[in-house]
Amino acid sequence: MAGTKAILPGLGLCVAVTAAAVGFEAVEAHLFGRAWLEALVLAILLGSAIRTAWTPSQRFFPGIAFGAKTVLEIAVVLLGASLSLATILAAGPGLLFGIAGVVTVAILSSYGIGRALGLHPRMAILVACGNSICGNSAIAATAPVIGADGEDVAASIAFTAVLGVLVVLGLPLLVPLLGLSPMQYGVLAGLTVYAVPQVLAATAPVAALSVQVGTLVKLVRVLMLGPVVLVLSLGASRLGEKTDEAAPGVTAGDRPARASLAIHRLVPWFILAFLALAGLRSAGLIPQVALAPMSETANVLTVVSMAALGLGVDVRSVAKAGARVTLAVVASLLALGAVSLGLIHVLGLV
């Protein structure tokens, strides 16, 4: 009971920020016909603005930390119910392996770009996974596995969100410029646009076939989140050894204990639960009526966790790495687009 009482003030603040973000998203949709900034993005922006203007007292910290970690982990678990292996296999092996290859190459190239620009390895991984898989959701799922702090998550999500809106607006212009067919454009949109709703927004002006193909490709791309996060969790201890700097009071003799702890937690519980839930969905063991509520719950919890992350970040400190992160995200997205066009050419899609 004492633990529950301790988290209530901070968690309540996170929920309040979430409610405000949802409200602003509804206002956007009413005024402009669509929400250009989703509640998830608005939550972290609002949280960051509040944190920059006001430093919460100590009593808020436990709840904010709970929202940024535990709530996020539960949301990641529930995302597993949205993945169906049967739907993915129906697309055919060529496109499936091609998408997996594009995601792999994009992650490696994006990580290389980030490191070349001087980004911290954890930040480079967040940018790489966000660009290559599914934007904010991939960043949110990857962050707890690699031990990324709130500032890294906030910065990568903020820049990825802004660029995601620009992609939705500018991608349809490539159809006449590159002479893309509806099928080709659907594949390109599914491989480059960050979120499923954004895929719909980017493909709807072109053709119904583009919408269908883009959505399918996007779902396959999202499926890569499980294996990627699993691989990152297996390499998390090595990442810590290569990037952790000795903090005040921490000596070299402390590292073996930290390494053994990392080995003990090679695969976090929520990743195993995520994969288990995906397996149950693929086997048809999750009732159809439960899928929509689980997905909606995952979305709400993710927004709450993003509000918590925003409340833990001072925008003034995030802005210090802004130029490099922006350049890394843009260059990584261009690389992803080039690889995606290469796949379309190799598969001979028409």
Protein backbone atom coordinates (compact mmCIF):
# COMPACT_ATOMS: atom_id res chain seq x y z
CA MET A 1 0.00 0.00 0.00
CA ALA A 2 2.85 2.36 0.83
CA GLY A 3 4.38 1.72 -2.59
CA THR A 4 1.05 2.41 -4.30
CA LYS A 5 0.58 5.66 -2.42
CA ALA A 6 4.09 6.73 -3.35
CA ILE A 7 3.46 6.48 -7.09
CA LEU A 8 -0.01 8.06 -7.12
CA PRO A 9 1.01 11.77 -7.30
CA GLY A 10 3.46 11.32 -10.17
CA LEU A 11 1.30 8.80 -12.03
CA GLY A 12 -1.69 11.10 -11.62
CA LEU A 13 0.34 13.91 -13.18
CA CYS A 14 1.22 11.63 -16.10
CA VAL A 15 -2.47 10.77 -16.61
CA ALA A 16 -3.38 14.46 -16.54
CA VAL A 17 -0.79 15.23 -19.23
CA THR A 18 -2.13 12.28 -21.23
CA ALA A 19 -5.69 13.61 -21.02
CA ALA A 20 -4.52 17.02 -22.21
CA ALA A 21 -2.64 15.41 -25.13
CA VAL A 22 -5.72 13.42 -26.18
CA GLY A 23 -7.78 16.59 -25.98
CA PHE A 24 -5.37 18.53 -28.17
CA GLU A 25 -5.36 15.67 -30.70
CA ALA A 26 -9.16 15.84 -30.86
CA VAL A 27 -9.00 19.61 -31.41
CA GLU A 28 -6.51 19.09 -34.24
CA ALA A 29 -8.77 16.55 -35.90
CA HIS A 30 -11.78 18.87 -35.59
CA LEU A 31 -9.98 21.92 -36.99
CA PHE A 32 -7.85 20.33 -39.71
CA GLY A 33 -9.65 17.09 -40.54
CA ARG A 34 -6.76 15.01 -39.17
CA ALA A 35 -4.38 15.04 -36.24
CA TRP A 36 -0.97 16.05 -37.57
CA LEU A 37 0.59 15.44 -34.16
CA GLU A 38 -0.65 12.30 -32.42
CA ALA A 39 -1.42 12.19 -28.70
CA LEU A 40 1.77 10.21 -28.10
CA VAL A 41 3.90 13.02 -29.50
CA LEU A 42 1.83 15.73 -27.82
CA ALA A 43 2.19 13.95 -24.47
CA ILE A 44 5.96 14.02 -24.55
CA LEU A 45 6.00 17.61 -25.81
CA LEU A 46 3.59 18.74 -23.10
CA GLY A 47 5.46 16.80 -20.44
CA SER A 48 8.76 18.31 -21.53
CA ALA A 49 7.27 21.81 -21.56
CA ILE A 50 5.92 21.37 -18.04
CA ARG A 51 9.24 19.96 -16.80
CA THR A 52 11.16 22.83 -18.37
CA ALA A 53 8.91 25.47 -16.80
CA TRP A 54 8.47 23.73 -13.44
CA THR A 55 10.59 21.30 -11.44
CA PRO A 56 8.31 18.76 -9.68
CA SER A 57 8.84 18.14 -5.98
CA GLN A 58 10.32 14.86 -4.76
CA ARG A 59 6.92 13.28 -4.13
CA PHE A 60 6.19 13.19 -7.87
CA PHE A 61 9.34 11.29 -8.86
CA PRO A 62 8.33 7.67 -7.95
CA GLY A 63 5.14 7.88 -10.01
CA ILE A 64 6.89 9.49 -12.97
CA ALA A 65 9.56 6.78 -12.88
CA PHE A 66 6.84 4.09 -12.68
CA GLY A 67 5.08 5.56 -15.69
CA ALA A 68 8.27 5.78 -17.74
CA LYS A 69 9.32 2.17 -17.05
CA THR A 70 6.66 -0.24 -15.80
CA VAL A 71 3.72 1.27 -17.70
CA LEU A 72 5.81 1.28 -20.87
CA GLU A 73 6.79 -2.37 -20.41
CA ILE A 74 3.15 -3.39 -20.03
CA ALA A 75 2.28 -1.47 -23.21
CA VAL A 76 5.02 -3.31 -25.11
CA VAL A 77 3.62 -6.65 -23.96
CA LEU A 78 0.13 -5.79 -25.20
CA LEU A 79 1.54 -4.81 -28.61
CA GLY A 80 2.28 -8.51 -29.17
CA ALA A 81 -1.44 -9.17 -29.58
CA SER A 82 -1.49 -7.01 -32.73
CA LEU A 83 0.88 -9.29 -34.65
CA SER A 84 -0.54 -12.19 -36.65
CA LEU A 85 1.91 -14.57 -38.32
CA ALA A 86 -0.76 -15.96 -40.68
CA THR A 87 -1.49 -12.52 -42.15
CA ILE A 88 2.21 -11.92 -42.69
CA LEU A 89 2.89 -15.24 -44.45
CA ALA A 90 0.06 -14.61 -46.92
CA ALA A 91 2.13 -11.89 -48.57
CA GLY A 92 4.58 -14.38 -50.06
CA PRO A 93 8.21 -15.17 -49.21
CA GLY A 94 9.89 -12.75 -51.61
CA LEU A 95 8.38 -9.60 -50.18
CA LEU A 96 8.63 -10.91 -46.62
CA PHE A 97 12.37 -11.63 -46.85
CA GLY A 98 12.85 -8.38 -48.74
CA ILE A 99 11.24 -6.36 -45.96
CA ALA A 100 13.34 -8.14 -43.34
CA GLY A 101 16.43 -7.39 -45.40
CA VAL A 102 15.52 -3.73 -45.80
CA VAL A 103 14.95 -3.33 -42.06
CA THR A 104 18.26 -5.03 -41.26
CA VAL A 105 20.26 -2.94 -43.73
CA ALA A 106 18.46 0.23 -42.64
CA ILE A 107 19.20 -0.39 -38.95
CA LEU A 108 22.88 -1.05 -39.61
CA SER A 109 23.31 1.92 -41.94
CA SER A 110 21.35 4.25 -39.67
CA TYR A 111 23.40 3.18 -36.66
CA GLY A 112 26.58 3.78 -38.65
CA ILE A 113 25.37 7.25 -39.67
CA GLY A 114 24.52 8.12 -36.08
CA ARG A 115 27.89 7.00 -34.77
CA ALA A 116 29.70 8.82 -37.58
CA LEU A 117 27.89 12.00 -36.49
CA GLY A 118 29.07 11.49 -32.93
CA LEU A 119 25.85 10.23 -31.36
CA HIS A 120 26.06 8.08 -28.25
CA PRO A 121 25.58 4.36 -29.11
CA ARG A 122 22.24 4.23 -27.29
CA MET A 123 20.94 7.31 -29.08
CA ALA A 124 22.18 5.91 -32.41
CA ILE A 125 20.28 2.67 -31.73
CA LEU A 126 17.08 4.55 -30.88
CA VAL A 127 17.27 6.61 -34.07
CA ALA A 128 18.08 3.49 -36.13
CA CYS A 129 15.18 1.46 -34.74
CA GLY A 130 12.75 4.36 -34.91
CA ASN A 131 13.53 5.06 -38.56
CA SER A 132 13.81 1.46 -39.67
CA ILE A 133 10.84 -0.18 -37.93
CA CYS A 134 7.94 1.86 -36.60
CA GLY A 135 8.98 5.22 -35.29
CA ASN A 136 7.79 6.08 -31.78
CA SER A 137 6.67 2.54 -30.89
CA ALA A 138 10.07 1.08 -31.80
CA ILE A 139 11.86 3.78 -29.82
CA ALA A 140 9.57 3.16 -26.84
CA ALA A 141 10.09 -0.62 -27.01
CA THR A 142 13.85 -0.39 -27.51
CA ALA A 143 14.59 2.18 -24.81
CA PRO A 144 14.13 -0.01 -21.70
CA VAL A 145 16.08 -2.88 -23.29
CA ILE A 146 19.24 -0.87 -23.97
CA GLY A 147 18.94 1.29 -20.86
CA ALA A 148 18.37 4.57 -22.72
CA ASP A 149 17.58 7.55 -20.51
CA GLY A 150 14.62 9.90 -20.82
CA GLU A 151 16.57 12.59 -22.63
CA ASP A 152 17.63 10.19 -25.40
CA VAL A 153 14.07 8.90 -25.82
CA ALA A 154 12.55 12.37 -25.81
CA ALA A 155 15.04 13.73 -28.34
CA SER A 156 14.73 10.80 -30.76
CA ILE A 157 10.93 10.75 -30.57
CA ALA A 158 10.62 14.51 -30.96
CA PHE A 159 12.72 14.68 -34.12
CA THR A 160 11.29 11.44 -35.53
CA ALA A 161 7.76 12.77 -34.98
CA VAL A 162 8.39 16.02 -36.82
CA LEU A 163 10.05 14.22 -39.71
CA GLY A 164 7.22 11.68 -39.80
CA VAL A 165 4.69 14.43 -40.52
CA LEU A 166 6.90 15.81 -43.30
CA VAL A 167 7.19 12.33 -44.84
CA VAL A 168 3.41 11.91 -44.90
CA LEU A 169 3.06 15.24 -46.67
CA GLY A 170 5.94 14.88 -49.11
CA LEU A 171 5.98 11.17 -50.02
CA PRO A 172 2.99 11.29 -52.44
CA LEU A 173 4.96 13.81 -54.51
CA LEU A 174 7.34 10.99 -55.48
CA VAL A 175 4.60 9.15 -57.41
CA PRO A 176 4.74 11.40 -60.51
CA LEU A 177 8.40 12.27 -59.94
CA LEU A 178 9.57 8.64 -59.98
CA GLY A 179 6.70 7.23 -62.06
CA LEU A 180 5.63 4.82 -59.30
CA SER A 181 2.66 2.50 -59.76
CA PRO A 182 0.11 2.13 -56.92
CA MET A 183 1.73 -1.19 -55.95
CA GLN A 184 5.24 0.28 -55.93
CA TYR A 185 4.17 3.33 -53.98
CA GLY A 186 2.34 1.17 -51.42
CA VAL A 187 5.53 -0.82 -50.79
CA LEU A 188 7.59 2.39 -50.54
CA ALA A 189 5.15 3.98 -48.10
CA GLY A 190 4.94 0.83 -45.98
CA LEU A 191 8.74 0.69 -45.74
CA THR A 192 9.40 4.35 -44.97
CA VAL A 193 6.42 5.86 -43.11
CA TYR A 194 6.62 5.45 -39.33
CA ALA A 195 3.13 4.63 -38.02
CA VAL A 196 0.21 2.67 -39.47
CA PRO A 197 -2.16 5.69 -39.32
CA GLN A 198 0.49 7.72 -41.13
CA VAL A 199 0.70 5.02 -43.82
CA LEU A 200 -3.02 5.41 -44.38
CA ALA A 201 -2.67 9.18 -44.59
CA ALA A 202 0.25 8.92 -47.04
CA THR A 203 -1.35 6.33 -49.35
CA ALA A 204 -5.03 7.32 -49.36
CA PRO A 205 -4.50 10.23 -51.81
CA VAL A 206 -2.87 7.86 -54.33
CA ALA A 207 -4.93 4.67 -54.68
CA ALA A 208 -6.85 2.03 -52.73
CA LEU A 209 -4.26 -0.57 -53.77
CA SER A 210 -1.54 1.63 -52.28
CA VAL A 211 -3.44 1.71 -49.00
CA GLN A 212 -3.79 -2.09 -48.88
CA VAL A 213 -0.21 -2.85 -49.88
CA GLY A 214 1.22 -0.11 -47.69
CA THR A 215 -0.66 -1.34 -44.63
CA LEU A 216 0.43 -4.94 -45.18
CA VAL A 217 4.07 -4.00 -45.69
CA LYS A 218 3.92 -1.79 -42.61
CA LEU A 219 2.55 -4.64 -40.50
CA VAL A 220 5.37 -6.91 -41.66
CA ARG A 221 7.83 -4.17 -40.79
CA VAL A 222 6.30 -3.85 -37.32
CA LEU A 223 6.73 -7.61 -36.87
CA MET A 224 10.49 -7.05 -37.06
CA LEU A 225 10.29 -5.22 -33.73
CA GLY A 226 10.19 -8.48 -31.77
CA PRO A 227 13.36 -10.07 -33.23
CA VAL A 228 15.24 -6.76 -33.20
CA VAL A 229 14.43 -6.03 -29.56
CA LEU A 230 15.30 -9.62 -28.65
CA VAL A 231 18.71 -9.30 -30.32
CA LEU A 232 19.30 -5.97 -28.60
CA SER A 233 18.40 -7.49 -25.23
CA LEU A 234 20.96 -10.25 -25.80
CA GLY A 235 23.61 -7.65 -26.56
CA ALA A 236 22.59 -5.18 -23.85
CA SER A 237 25.35 -6.21 -21.44
CA ARG A 238 28.01 -5.75 -24.10
CA LEU A 239 26.59 -2.32 -24.95
CA GLY A 240 26.84 -1.35 -21.31
CA GLU A 241 30.46 -2.48 -21.08
CA LYS A 242 31.42 -0.45 -24.17
CA THR A 243 29.55 2.75 -23.37
CA ASP A 244 29.16 3.12 -19.61
CA GLU A 245 31.47 5.64 -18.05
CA ALA A 246 32.56 5.32 -14.47
CA ALA A 247 30.26 7.40 -12.35
CA PRO A 248 31.37 9.08 -9.14
CA GLY A 249 31.89 6.38 -6.53
CA VAL A 250 31.94 3.55 -9.10
CA THR A 251 35.26 1.84 -9.57
CA ALA A 252 36.51 -0.62 -12.14
CA GLY A 253 36.10 -3.36 -9.57
CA ASP A 254 32.35 -2.80 -9.58
CA ARG A 255 31.97 -3.72 -13.28
CA PRO A 256 32.05 -7.54 -12.91
CA ALA A 257 29.05 -7.36 -10.57
CA ARG A 258 27.21 -5.10 -13.01
CA ALA A 259 28.08 -7.42 -15.91
CA SER A 260 26.81 -10.48 -14.05
CA LEU A 261 23.58 -8.62 -13.30
CA ALA A 262 23.21 -7.79 -17.02
CA ILE A 263 23.77 -11.44 -17.93
CA HIS A 264 21.09 -12.45 -15.46
CA ARG A 265 18.67 -10.15 -17.26
CA LEU A 266 19.64 -10.88 -20.85
CA VAL A 267 16.01 -11.14 -21.96
CA PRO A 268 13.65 -8.83 -20.03
CA TRP A 269 10.36 -10.29 -18.88
CA PHE A 270 8.28 -8.01 -21.07
CA ILE A 271 10.06 -9.15 -24.24
CA LEU A 272 9.28 -12.79 -23.44
CA ALA A 273 5.68 -11.82 -22.70
CA PHE A 274 5.52 -9.83 -25.96
CA LEU A 275 6.68 -12.85 -27.99
CA ALA A 276 4.34 -15.18 -26.10
CA LEU A 277 1.35 -12.95 -26.80
CA ALA A 278 2.31 -12.72 -30.48
CA GLY A 279 2.47 -16.53 -30.59
CA LEU A 280 -0.97 -16.83 -28.99
CA ARG A 281 -2.39 -14.36 -31.52
CA SER A 282 -0.88 -16.31 -34.40
CA ALA A 283 -2.31 -19.55 -33.04
CA GLY A 284 -5.78 -18.00 -32.81
CA LEU A 285 -5.92 -18.40 -29.03
CA ILE A 286 -6.75 -14.76 -28.33
CA PRO A 287 -10.49 -14.05 -28.82
CA GLN A 288 -11.12 -11.66 -31.70
CA VAL A 289 -13.28 -9.50 -29.47
CA ALA A 290 -10.32 -8.90 -27.16
CA LEU A 291 -7.90 -7.64 -29.82
CA ALA A 292 -9.29 -4.11 -30.22
CA PRO A 293 -9.44 -3.40 -26.46
CA MET A 294 -5.90 -4.74 -26.00
CA SER A 295 -4.60 -2.57 -28.82
CA GLU A 296 -6.36 0.51 -27.46
CA THR A 297 -5.06 -0.19 -23.97
CA ALA A 298 -1.52 -0.49 -25.33
CA ASN A 299 -1.91 2.85 -27.10
CA VAL A 300 -3.19 4.60 -23.98
CA LEU A 301 -0.45 3.15 -21.78
CA THR A 302 2.18 4.18 -24.32
CA VAL A 303 0.90 7.76 -24.26
CA VAL A 304 0.99 7.74 -20.44
CA SER A 305 4.58 6.47 -20.50
CA MET A 306 5.57 9.15 -23.02
CA ALA A 307 4.05 11.79 -20.73
CA ALA A 308 6.18 10.36 -17.92
CA LEU A 309 9.30 10.50 -20.07
CA GLY A 310 8.55 14.10 -21.01
CA LEU A 311 8.08 15.04 -17.36
CA GLY A 312 11.53 13.70 -16.64
CA VAL A 313 13.30 15.74 -19.30
CA ASP A 314 14.38 19.35 -19.40
CA VAL A 315 14.08 20.53 -23.02
CA ARG A 316 17.08 22.80 -22.60
CA SER A 317 19.35 19.79 -22.13
CA VAL A 318 17.76 17.89 -25.04
CA ALA A 319 18.32 20.83 -27.40
CA LYS A 320 22.09 20.49 -27.00
CA ALA A 321 22.09 17.38 -29.21
CA GLY A 322 19.37 18.63 -31.55
CA ALA A 323 21.38 19.37 -34.69
CA ARG A 324 23.22 16.07 -34.71
CA VAL A 325 20.10 14.04 -33.98
CA THR A 326 18.15 15.85 -36.69
CA LEU A 327 20.88 15.25 -39.24
CA ALA A 328 21.13 11.59 -38.23
CA VAL A 329 17.36 11.07 -38.55
CA VAL A 330 17.18 12.78 -41.95
CA ALA A 331 20.20 10.94 -43.36
CA SER A 332 18.91 7.63 -42.02
CA LEU A 333 15.50 8.17 -43.59
CA LEU A 334 17.08 8.99 -46.95
CA ALA A 335 19.13 5.79 -46.72
CA LEU A 336 15.96 3.82 -45.88
CA GLY A 337 14.19 5.31 -48.90
CA ALA A 338 17.07 4.38 -51.19
CA VAL A 339 17.16 0.79 -49.93
CA SER A 340 13.36 0.53 -50.25
CA LEU A 341 13.45 1.70 -53.88
CA GLY A 342 16.20 -0.86 -54.48
CA LEU A 343 13.94 -3.64 -53.15
CA ILE A 344 11.10 -2.54 -55.44
CA HIS A 345 13.49 -2.71 -58.41
CA VAL A 346 14.91 -6.12 -57.41
CA LEU A 347 11.46 -7.69 -56.93
CA GLY A 348 10.29 -6.23 -60.25
CA LEU A 349 7.08 -4.92 -58.74
CA VAL A 350 4.73 -3.18 -61.17
